[in-house]
N, C-alpha and C. Protein backbone atom coordinates (compact mmCIF):
# COMPACT_ATOMS: atom_id res chain seq x y z
N MET A 1 57.92 9.74 15.45
CA MET A 1 56.09 9.75 16.15
C MET A 1 56.13 10.85 17.27
N THR A 2 55.40 11.31 17.02
CA THR A 2 55.44 12.67 18.79
C THR A 2 54.08 11.57 19.61
N THR A 3 54.25 11.64 20.95
CA THR A 3 53.90 10.19 21.31
C THR A 3 52.66 10.98 22.52
N ILE A 4 51.41 11.05 23.02
CA ILE A 4 50.67 12.25 24.01
C ILE A 4 50.37 11.26 24.63
N THR A 5 50.70 11.98 26.09
CA THR A 5 49.73 11.33 27.12
C THR A 5 48.90 12.23 27.63
N LEU A 6 47.96 11.43 27.69
CA LEU A 6 46.85 12.77 28.21
C LEU A 6 46.28 11.89 29.74
N ASN A 7 47.05 12.14 30.71
CA ASN A 7 46.75 11.78 31.93
C ASN A 7 45.23 12.74 32.78
N ARG A 8 45.12 12.52 34.29
CA ARG A 8 44.02 13.23 34.82
C ARG A 8 44.29 14.71 34.98
N PRO A 9 45.61 15.23 35.48
CA PRO A 9 46.15 16.70 35.41
C PRO A 9 45.54 17.47 33.78
N ALA A 10 46.22 17.07 33.03
CA ALA A 10 46.46 17.29 31.55
C ALA A 10 44.57 17.23 31.67
N LEU A 11 44.29 16.45 30.82
CA LEU A 11 42.53 16.15 31.30
C LEU A 11 42.15 17.41 31.68
N PHE A 12 42.41 17.84 33.44
CA PHE A 12 41.49 18.95 34.06
C PHE A 12 41.91 20.14 32.65
N ALA A 13 43.29 20.38 32.87
CA ALA A 13 43.60 21.56 32.27
C ALA A 13 42.93 22.17 31.05
N LEU A 14 42.68 20.75 30.20
CA LEU A 14 42.01 21.08 28.95
C LEU A 14 40.17 21.01 29.18
N ILE A 15 40.04 20.99 29.67
CA ILE A 15 38.64 21.03 30.02
C ILE A 15 37.97 22.21 30.89
N ASP A 16 39.49 23.07 31.63
CA ASP A 16 39.27 24.43 32.09
C ASP A 16 39.64 25.28 31.56
N ALA A 17 40.11 25.31 30.23
CA ALA A 17 40.56 25.91 28.89
C ALA A 17 39.80 26.09 28.69
N ASP A 18 38.93 24.85 28.11
CA ASP A 18 37.94 24.63 26.95
C ASP A 18 36.64 24.61 27.33
N PRO A 19 35.54 24.95 27.86
CA PRO A 19 34.65 24.30 28.31
C PRO A 19 34.17 23.61 27.44
N GLU A 20 33.92 24.07 25.99
CA GLU A 20 33.62 22.72 24.86
C GLU A 20 34.30 21.80 24.48
N PHE A 21 35.79 21.74 24.67
CA PHE A 21 36.17 20.47 24.72
C PHE A 21 35.61 18.85 25.80
N ALA A 22 34.85 19.63 26.99
CA ALA A 22 34.54 18.91 28.09
C ALA A 22 33.16 18.79 27.20
N LEU A 23 32.08 19.16 26.60
CA LEU A 23 31.05 18.51 25.89
C LEU A 23 30.96 17.60 24.65
N GLN A 24 33.10 18.06 24.18
CA GLN A 24 32.60 17.31 23.02
C GLN A 24 33.03 15.89 23.26
N LEU A 25 34.39 15.94 24.45
CA LEU A 25 34.66 14.59 24.90
C LEU A 25 34.19 13.90 25.60
N LYS A 26 32.62 14.29 26.18
CA LYS A 26 31.48 12.93 26.40
C LYS A 26 30.67 12.80 25.35
N ASN A 27 30.53 13.77 24.13
CA ASN A 27 29.44 13.03 23.58
C ASN A 27 30.41 11.95 22.71
N ASN A 28 31.62 12.21 22.53
CA ASN A 28 32.49 11.22 22.07
C ASN A 28 32.74 10.09 22.60
N VAL A 29 32.99 10.25 23.94
CA VAL A 29 32.81 8.87 25.01
C VAL A 29 31.80 8.05 24.72
N LEU A 30 30.51 8.72 24.64
CA LEU A 30 29.34 8.11 25.13
C LEU A 30 28.97 7.64 23.64
N ALA A 31 29.45 7.99 22.28
CA ALA A 31 29.22 7.07 20.90
C ALA A 31 30.34 6.54 20.73
N GLU A 32 30.94 5.72 21.46
CA GLU A 32 32.28 5.40 21.42
C GLU A 32 31.70 4.09 22.48
N VAL A 33 31.03 4.55 23.41
CA VAL A 33 30.65 3.21 24.46
C VAL A 33 28.95 2.41 23.49
N GLY A 34 28.72 3.74 22.97
CA GLY A 34 27.16 2.84 22.23
C GLY A 34 27.74 2.12 21.21
N ARG A 35 28.50 2.39 20.51
CA ARG A 35 29.20 1.73 19.31
C ARG A 35 29.38 0.42 19.38
N ARG A 36 30.71 0.24 20.67
CA ARG A 36 30.79 -1.02 21.31
C ARG A 36 29.70 -1.86 21.52
N PHE A 37 28.39 -0.95 21.81
CA PHE A 37 27.38 -1.77 22.78
C PHE A 37 27.00 -2.84 21.26
N PHE A 38 26.66 -1.79 19.83
CA PHE A 38 26.13 -2.31 18.91
C PHE A 38 26.94 -3.41 18.52
N GLU A 39 28.20 -3.37 18.71
CA GLU A 39 29.12 -4.13 17.89
C GLU A 39 28.87 -5.13 18.40
N LYS A 40 29.33 -5.54 20.13
CA LYS A 40 29.56 -6.36 20.58
C LYS A 40 28.35 -7.28 21.23
N ASP A 41 27.10 -6.44 21.76
CA ASP A 41 26.09 -7.00 22.65
C ASP A 41 24.91 -6.93 21.98
N ALA A 42 24.46 -6.06 21.30
CA ALA A 42 23.24 -5.49 20.60
C ALA A 42 22.80 -6.84 20.33
N LYS A 43 22.90 -7.88 19.33
CA LYS A 43 22.72 -9.35 19.00
C LYS A 43 22.08 -10.25 20.01
N ARG A 44 23.08 -10.06 21.14
CA ARG A 44 23.35 -10.71 22.42
C ARG A 44 21.66 -10.39 23.18
N VAL A 45 21.31 -9.17 24.22
CA VAL A 45 20.71 -8.23 24.29
C VAL A 45 19.36 -8.36 23.07
N ILE A 46 19.45 -8.09 21.83
CA ILE A 46 17.64 -8.25 21.28
C ILE A 46 17.28 -9.86 21.78
N ALA A 47 17.95 -10.51 21.59
CA ALA A 47 17.82 -11.93 21.49
C ALA A 47 16.97 -12.13 22.91
N ALA A 48 17.88 -11.98 23.88
CA ALA A 48 17.46 -12.53 25.17
C ALA A 48 16.77 -11.56 25.62
N ALA A 49 15.84 -10.05 25.03
CA ALA A 49 14.85 -9.56 25.75
C ALA A 49 13.91 -9.99 24.80
N GLU A 50 13.15 -9.78 26.30
CA GLU A 50 11.37 -9.81 25.78
C GLU A 50 10.81 -8.96 24.84
N PRO A 51 9.87 -9.38 23.64
CA PRO A 51 9.53 -8.54 22.77
C PRO A 51 8.92 -6.95 23.57
N GLU A 52 7.94 -7.11 24.68
CA GLU A 52 7.53 -6.20 25.46
C GLU A 52 8.94 -5.10 25.64
N LEU A 53 9.78 -5.77 26.21
CA LEU A 53 10.48 -4.81 26.93
C LEU A 53 11.91 -4.09 25.68
N PHE A 54 11.86 -5.24 24.72
CA PHE A 54 12.79 -4.72 23.39
C PHE A 54 11.72 -2.82 22.77
N ALA A 55 10.59 -3.75 23.07
CA ALA A 55 9.93 -2.66 22.34
C ALA A 55 9.95 -0.91 23.05
N GLN A 56 9.77 -0.99 24.51
CA GLN A 56 9.77 -0.12 25.42
C GLN A 56 11.30 0.44 25.31
N ALA A 57 12.59 -0.07 25.27
CA ALA A 57 13.75 0.41 25.11
C ALA A 57 13.58 1.43 23.91
N LEU A 58 13.62 -0.06 22.59
CA LEU A 58 13.55 1.08 21.41
C LEU A 58 12.55 2.60 21.75
N LYS A 59 11.36 2.50 22.19
CA LYS A 59 11.07 3.45 22.07
C LYS A 59 11.39 4.87 22.50
N SER A 60 11.99 3.97 24.03
CA SER A 60 12.66 5.58 25.17
C SER A 60 13.97 5.93 24.49
N ILE A 61 14.40 4.99 23.27
CA ILE A 61 16.07 5.21 22.75
C ILE A 61 15.45 6.56 21.37
N GLN A 62 14.30 6.25 20.89
CA GLN A 62 13.43 7.06 19.54
C GLN A 62 13.13 8.50 19.92
N ASP A 63 13.02 8.58 21.49
CA ASP A 63 12.30 9.83 21.59
C ASP A 63 13.34 10.45 22.59
N ASP A 64 14.48 9.66 22.91
CA ASP A 64 15.89 10.71 22.95
C ASP A 64 16.37 10.94 21.78
N LYS A 65 16.53 12.06 21.48
CA LYS A 65 17.53 12.80 20.37
C LYS A 65 19.10 12.62 20.57
N ASP A 66 18.94 12.86 21.89
CA ASP A 66 20.84 12.87 21.77
C ASP A 66 21.17 11.27 21.59
N MET A 67 20.67 10.59 22.36
CA MET A 67 20.85 8.94 22.04
C MET A 67 20.71 8.34 20.44
N THR A 68 19.35 8.95 19.72
CA THR A 68 19.17 9.15 18.95
C THR A 68 20.45 9.07 17.88
N ILE A 69 20.48 10.38 18.07
CA ILE A 69 22.12 11.09 16.74
C ILE A 69 23.48 10.32 17.51
N MET A 70 23.47 9.76 18.92
CA MET A 70 24.91 8.69 18.89
C MET A 70 24.71 7.88 17.95
N ILE A 71 23.18 6.90 18.30
CA ILE A 71 23.71 5.80 17.46
C ILE A 71 23.91 5.83 16.26
N GLN A 72 23.16 6.67 15.54
CA GLN A 72 23.18 7.04 14.09
C GLN A 72 24.72 7.43 13.94
N ARG A 73 25.24 8.16 14.49
CA ARG A 73 26.25 8.36 14.16
C ARG A 73 27.49 7.06 14.07
N ALA A 74 27.34 6.36 15.36
CA ALA A 74 28.10 4.70 15.68
C ALA A 74 27.20 4.11 14.73
N LEU A 75 26.16 4.45 14.04
CA LEU A 75 25.97 2.97 13.14
C LEU A 75 27.05 3.20 11.04
N ALA A 76 26.99 5.01 11.58
CA ALA A 76 27.59 5.68 10.33
C ALA A 76 29.21 5.13 10.14
N SER A 77 29.78 5.06 11.38
CA SER A 77 30.73 4.72 11.41
C SER A 77 31.11 3.41 11.11
N ALA A 78 30.23 2.31 11.40
CA ALA A 78 30.10 1.16 11.33
C ALA A 78 30.23 0.58 10.01
N VAL A 79 29.26 1.23 9.23
CA VAL A 79 28.74 1.61 8.19
C VAL A 79 29.56 1.90 7.36
N THR A 80 29.69 2.76 7.55
CA THR A 80 30.58 3.84 5.90
C THR A 80 32.26 4.21 6.70
N VAL A 81 33.15 4.66 5.63
CA VAL A 81 34.43 4.45 6.03
C VAL A 81 35.10 6.25 4.70
N LYS A 82 35.49 6.74 5.83
CA LYS A 82 36.19 8.47 4.58
C LYS A 82 36.86 7.85 3.58
N THR A 83 36.56 8.43 2.80
CA THR A 83 37.50 8.27 1.68
C THR A 83 38.98 9.25 1.77
N SER A 84 38.68 10.69 2.57
CA SER A 84 39.27 11.51 2.72
C SER A 84 39.48 12.01 3.92
N GLU A 85 40.43 12.96 3.82
CA GLU A 85 40.51 13.63 5.49
C GLU A 85 40.16 14.90 5.14
N TRP A 86 40.57 15.82 3.95
CA TRP A 86 40.04 16.93 4.08
C TRP A 86 38.15 16.80 3.30
N TYR A 87 37.41 16.38 3.37
CA TYR A 87 36.49 16.71 2.57
C TYR A 87 35.61 15.19 3.21
N ALA A 88 33.88 15.87 2.93
CA ALA A 88 33.29 14.81 4.07
C ALA A 88 32.80 13.82 3.03
N LYS A 89 33.28 13.35 2.02
CA LYS A 89 32.87 11.71 1.39
C LYS A 89 32.93 11.04 1.71
N ARG A 90 31.82 10.10 2.11
CA ARG A 90 31.51 8.66 2.66
C ARG A 90 31.28 7.71 1.86
N GLU A 91 32.25 6.41 1.39
CA GLU A 91 31.44 5.31 1.16
C GLU A 91 31.39 4.31 1.84
N MET A 92 30.87 3.55 1.17
CA MET A 92 30.52 2.04 2.29
C MET A 92 31.47 1.36 2.57
N SER A 93 31.52 0.88 3.74
CA SER A 93 32.61 0.06 4.01
C SER A 93 32.49 -1.13 3.37
N PRO A 94 34.00 -2.15 2.96
CA PRO A 94 34.19 -3.62 2.23
C PRO A 94 33.53 -4.66 3.15
N GLU A 95 32.98 -4.85 4.03
CA GLU A 95 32.05 -5.49 4.58
C GLU A 95 30.65 -5.54 4.37
N VAL A 96 29.94 -3.90 4.35
CA VAL A 96 28.39 -3.98 4.07
C VAL A 96 28.74 -3.82 2.42
N LYS A 97 29.75 -3.52 1.74
CA LYS A 97 29.74 -3.53 0.25
C LYS A 97 29.54 -4.95 -0.25
N LYS A 98 29.82 -5.88 0.66
CA LYS A 98 29.96 -7.26 0.43
C LYS A 98 28.58 -7.84 0.71
N VAL A 99 28.03 -7.64 2.12
CA VAL A 99 26.55 -8.05 2.45
C VAL A 99 25.55 -7.87 1.45
N ILE A 100 25.77 -6.75 1.13
CA ILE A 100 24.79 -6.09 -0.10
C ILE A 100 24.95 -6.39 -1.62
N ASP A 101 26.28 -7.09 -2.06
CA ASP A 101 26.54 -7.55 -3.08
C ASP A 101 25.57 -9.47 -2.74
N THR A 102 26.42 -9.67 -2.00
CA THR A 102 25.84 -11.37 -1.17
C THR A 102 24.30 -11.35 -2.05
N ALA A 103 23.68 -10.17 -0.64
CA ALA A 103 21.97 -9.86 -1.08
C ALA A 103 21.78 -9.94 -2.46
N VAL A 104 22.30 -9.18 -3.35
CA VAL A 104 21.34 -8.87 -4.32
C VAL A 104 21.62 -10.25 -4.99
N GLU A 105 22.91 -10.63 -5.49
CA GLU A 105 23.22 -11.93 -6.35
C GLU A 105 22.00 -13.19 -6.33
N ASP A 106 21.66 -13.44 -4.27
CA ASP A 106 20.58 -14.40 -4.19
C ASP A 106 19.74 -14.08 -4.49
N ILE A 107 18.91 -12.75 -4.72
CA ILE A 107 17.27 -12.12 -5.60
C ILE A 107 17.60 -12.15 -6.86
N LYS A 108 18.71 -12.01 -7.66
CA LYS A 108 18.78 -12.34 -8.54
C LYS A 108 18.64 -13.77 -9.16
N ARG A 109 19.38 -14.75 -8.73
CA ARG A 109 19.20 -16.05 -8.52
C ARG A 109 17.68 -16.52 -8.36
N ARG A 110 17.42 -15.95 -7.32
CA ARG A 110 15.96 -16.06 -7.11
C ARG A 110 14.98 -15.90 -7.90
N ALA A 111 15.00 -14.66 -8.52
CA ALA A 111 14.52 -14.17 -9.77
C ALA A 111 14.34 -14.85 -10.99
N ILE A 112 15.73 -15.54 -11.01
CA ILE A 112 16.36 -15.83 -11.94
C ILE A 112 15.19 -17.54 -12.45
N ALA A 113 15.13 -18.48 -10.54
CA ALA A 113 14.98 -19.38 -11.02
C ALA A 113 13.38 -19.05 -10.66
N ASP A 114 12.73 -18.77 -10.02
CA ASP A 114 11.49 -17.96 -10.17
C ASP A 114 10.88 -17.86 -11.80
N ALA A 115 11.47 -16.90 -12.22
CA ALA A 115 11.09 -16.95 -13.90
C ALA A 115 10.95 -18.30 -14.98
N SER A 116 11.75 -18.97 -14.44
CA SER A 116 12.11 -19.66 -15.62
C SER A 116 11.03 -21.10 -14.88
N MET A 117 10.90 -21.17 -13.53
CA MET A 117 10.06 -22.73 -13.49
C MET A 117 8.33 -21.66 -13.88
N GLN A 118 8.14 -20.38 -13.63
CA GLN A 118 6.99 -20.05 -14.44
C GLN A 118 7.09 -20.28 -16.03
N VAL A 119 8.08 -20.01 -16.64
CA VAL A 119 8.26 -20.46 -17.93
C VAL A 119 7.88 -22.42 -18.45
N GLY A 120 8.77 -22.34 -17.94
CA GLY A 120 8.91 -23.85 -17.79
C GLY A 120 6.82 -24.48 -17.54
N ASN A 121 6.03 -24.00 -16.49
CA ASN A 121 5.04 -24.19 -16.49
C ASN A 121 4.18 -23.72 -17.38
N ALA A 122 4.53 -22.85 -18.24
CA ALA A 122 3.78 -21.56 -18.71
C ALA A 122 3.86 -23.03 -20.16
N TYR A 123 4.65 -23.60 -20.52
CA TYR A 123 5.10 -24.49 -20.97
C TYR A 123 4.30 -25.68 -21.43
N SER A 124 4.55 -26.11 -20.15
CA SER A 124 4.13 -27.45 -19.52
C SER A 124 2.39 -27.56 -19.79
N GLU A 125 1.76 -26.49 -19.74
CA GLU A 125 0.70 -26.09 -19.64
C GLU A 125 0.13 -26.04 -20.92
N ALA A 126 0.91 -25.65 -21.28
CA ALA A 126 0.79 -25.31 -23.03
C ALA A 126 0.00 -26.65 -23.75
N ILE A 127 1.44 -27.46 -23.54
CA ILE A 127 1.75 -28.95 -24.28
C ILE A 127 0.10 -29.55 -23.98
N GLN A 128 0.15 -29.25 -22.13
CA GLN A 128 -0.73 -30.43 -22.02
C GLN A 128 -1.97 -30.45 -22.84
N LYS A 129 -1.94 -29.10 -22.93
CA LYS A 129 -3.96 -27.99 -23.58
C LYS A 129 -3.87 -28.75 -24.79
N ALA A 130 -3.09 -28.81 -25.23
CA ALA A 130 -3.40 -28.68 -26.89
C ALA A 130 -3.21 -30.50 -26.97
N VAL A 131 -2.58 -30.94 -26.37
CA VAL A 131 -2.50 -32.85 -26.37
C VAL A 131 -3.96 -33.20 -26.23
N ASP A 132 -4.32 -32.22 -24.71
CA ASP A 132 -5.81 -32.51 -24.50
C ASP A 132 -7.20 -32.12 -25.52
N ALA A 133 -6.49 -30.71 -26.12
CA ALA A 133 -7.81 -30.87 -27.02
C ALA A 133 -7.77 -31.99 -28.29
N LYS A 134 -6.75 -32.42 -28.81
CA LYS A 134 -6.00 -33.04 -30.05
C LYS A 134 -6.81 -34.50 -29.28
N LEU A 135 -6.94 -34.69 -28.51
CA LEU A 135 -7.52 -35.96 -27.90
C LEU A 135 -9.17 -35.73 -27.87
N ALA A 136 -9.39 -34.43 -26.98
CA ALA A 136 -10.72 -34.20 -27.47
C ALA A 136 -11.47 -34.18 -28.33
N THR A 137 -10.79 -33.83 -29.58
CA THR A 137 -11.41 -33.56 -30.66
C THR A 137 -11.49 -34.83 -31.66
N THR A 138 -10.67 -35.88 -31.27
CA THR A 138 -10.33 -37.30 -31.86
C THR A 138 -10.55 -38.34 -31.31
N ASN A 139 -11.10 -38.87 -31.51
CA ASN A 139 -11.03 -40.34 -30.71
C ASN A 139 -9.50 -41.31 -31.36
N VAL A 140 -9.01 -41.91 -30.24
CA VAL A 140 -8.07 -42.63 -30.67
C VAL A 140 -8.47 -44.17 -31.18
N ASP A 141 -9.82 -44.57 -31.00
CA ASP A 141 -9.59 -45.20 -31.65
C ASP A 141 -10.28 -45.56 -33.11
N GLU A 142 -10.71 -44.11 -33.49
CA GLU A 142 -11.14 -43.94 -34.74
C GLU A 142 -9.75 -43.85 -35.71
N LEU A 143 -8.85 -42.90 -35.06
CA LEU A 143 -7.53 -42.70 -35.61
C LEU A 143 -6.38 -44.01 -35.73
N ILE A 144 -7.31 -44.74 -34.98
CA ILE A 144 -6.66 -46.22 -34.93
C ILE A 144 -7.40 -46.91 -36.16
N GLU A 145 -8.41 -46.68 -36.29
CA GLU A 145 -9.39 -47.61 -36.98
C GLU A 145 -9.07 -47.01 -38.80
N LYS A 146 -8.92 -45.99 -38.66
CA LYS A 146 -8.76 -44.67 -40.29
C LYS A 146 -7.41 -45.12 -40.46
N ARG A 147 -6.52 -45.52 -39.84
CA ARG A 147 -5.02 -45.37 -40.10
C ARG A 147 -4.68 -47.50 -41.03
N VAL A 148 -5.68 -48.53 -40.06
CA VAL A 148 -5.82 -49.87 -40.59
C VAL A 148 -6.15 -49.73 -41.77
N ASN A 149 -8.11 -49.17 -41.45
CA ASN A 149 -8.18 -48.81 -43.16
C ASN A 149 -7.39 -48.54 -44.41
N ARG A 150 -6.92 -47.87 -44.17
CA ARG A 150 -5.78 -46.84 -44.96
C ARG A 150 -4.77 -47.85 -45.65
N LEU A 151 -3.95 -48.31 -44.36
CA LEU A 151 -2.97 -49.84 -45.19
C LEU A 151 -3.59 -51.03 -45.66
N LEU A 152 -4.93 -51.10 -44.90
CA LEU A 152 -5.61 -52.82 -46.02
C LEU A 152 -6.27 -51.59 -46.88
N GLU A 153 -6.30 -50.86 -47.33
CA GLU A 153 -6.82 -50.67 -48.99
C GLU A 153 -5.28 -50.84 -49.54
N VAL A 154 -4.28 -50.00 -49.08
CA VAL A 154 -3.43 -50.19 -49.76
C VAL A 154 -2.76 -51.30 -50.13
N GLU A 155 -2.91 -52.32 -49.56
CA GLU A 155 -2.32 -53.77 -49.64
C GLU A 155 -3.27 -54.66 -50.60
N ILE A 156 -4.49 -54.00 -50.46
CA ILE A 156 -6.06 -54.78 -50.59
C ILE A 156 -5.48 -54.33 -52.71
N ASN A 157 -5.50 -52.87 -52.80
CA ASN A 157 -5.19 -52.06 -54.37
C ASN A 157 -3.72 -52.64 -54.84
N LYS A 158 -2.96 -53.28 -54.20
CA LYS A 158 -1.50 -53.81 -54.50
C LYS A 158 -1.80 -54.87 -55.45
N LEU A 159 -2.44 -56.16 -54.57
CA LEU A 159 -3.27 -56.72 -54.91
C LEU A 159 -3.70 -57.30 -55.99
N ALA A 160 -4.59 -56.83 -56.07
CA ALA A 160 -5.69 -56.42 -56.47
C ALA A 160 -5.41 -56.52 -58.27
N GLN A 161 -3.85 -55.10 -58.10
CA GLN A 161 -2.97 -54.77 -59.70
C GLN A 161 -2.43 -55.82 -59.57
N GLU A 162 -1.78 -56.13 -58.45
CA GLU A 162 -1.16 -58.17 -59.62
C GLU A 162 -2.08 -59.09 -59.34
N LYS A 163 -2.93 -59.01 -59.42
CA LYS A 163 -4.30 -60.37 -60.06
C LYS A 163 -3.82 -59.88 -61.31
N PHE A 164 -4.84 -58.49 -61.18
CA PHE A 164 -5.17 -57.46 -62.84
C PHE A 164 -4.14 -58.09 -64.18
N GLU A 165 -3.08 -57.96 -63.17
CA GLU A 165 -1.25 -57.85 -64.26
C GLU A 165 -1.71 -59.26 -64.76
N GLN A 166 -1.85 -60.01 -64.18
CA GLN A 166 -1.73 -61.72 -63.87
C GLN A 166 -2.96 -62.30 -64.96
N ARG A 167 -3.26 -61.82 -64.71
CA ARG A 167 -4.96 -62.17 -65.69
C ARG A 167 -4.58 -61.47 -67.44
N MET A 168 -4.01 -60.35 -66.95
CA MET A 168 -3.60 -59.43 -68.63
C MET A 168 -2.24 -60.25 -69.71
N ALA A 169 -1.96 -60.94 -68.22
CA ALA A 169 -0.31 -61.39 -68.42
C ALA A 169 -1.39 -63.40 -69.39
N ASP A 170 -2.10 -63.15 -68.86
CA ASP A 170 -3.26 -64.53 -69.19
C ASP A 170 -3.43 -64.87 -70.54
N LEU A 171 -4.39 -63.94 -70.61
CA LEU A 171 -4.99 -63.35 -71.95
C LEU A 171 -4.45 -63.58 -73.41
N ARG A 172 -3.34 -62.27 -72.49
CA ARG A 172 -2.36 -61.99 -73.47
C ARG A 172 -1.45 -63.25 -74.59
N ALA A 173 -1.14 -64.16 -73.64
CA ALA A 173 -0.67 -65.06 -73.65
C ALA A 173 -1.28 -66.75 -74.39
N MET A 174 -2.40 -65.93 -73.95
CA MET A 174 -3.85 -67.24 -75.24
C MET A 174 -3.73 -66.50 -76.80
N MET A 175 -4.11 -65.26 -76.53
CA MET A 175 -4.04 -64.67 -77.83
C MET A 175 -2.71 -64.68 -79.17
N LYS A 176 -2.06 -64.92 -78.36
CA LYS A 176 -1.09 -65.18 -79.52
C LYS A 176 -0.80 -66.49 -80.36
């Protein structure tokens, strides 16, 4: 394993040899500072900031193109990972995938629960309407009276048939 030591004189020599290196170094340092700020302090700062102050800070960041680009890079590096070193394909990090999958599962669960509640409510309403319609068209007292009359008629017919058969049997016995 090779170890590279970057001390002050070596850094000055690299900057003097390649001015573009100084610009890249500054951008990388600012991007790292921005990334660490968002990872550690952003939640605390946002929670503690007054809404108007936060809105002004957000507007100034949005107006500053360089800061916007650095924030986008920092967020991209926090949200995505490179799958290969030799080409620029990027994927979501496992943590972000897990958060998204959890959110999707929660949304699915809520949608299914809402749908089942709606179907259950629709069935309950339909049953209630059918019962109400049946009760509205017929009077319960009339239904009871009809049932009692039918049972009473059956019983009377049975007793009359028995009496008739008894009388016929008596008449036959007298005729013999």
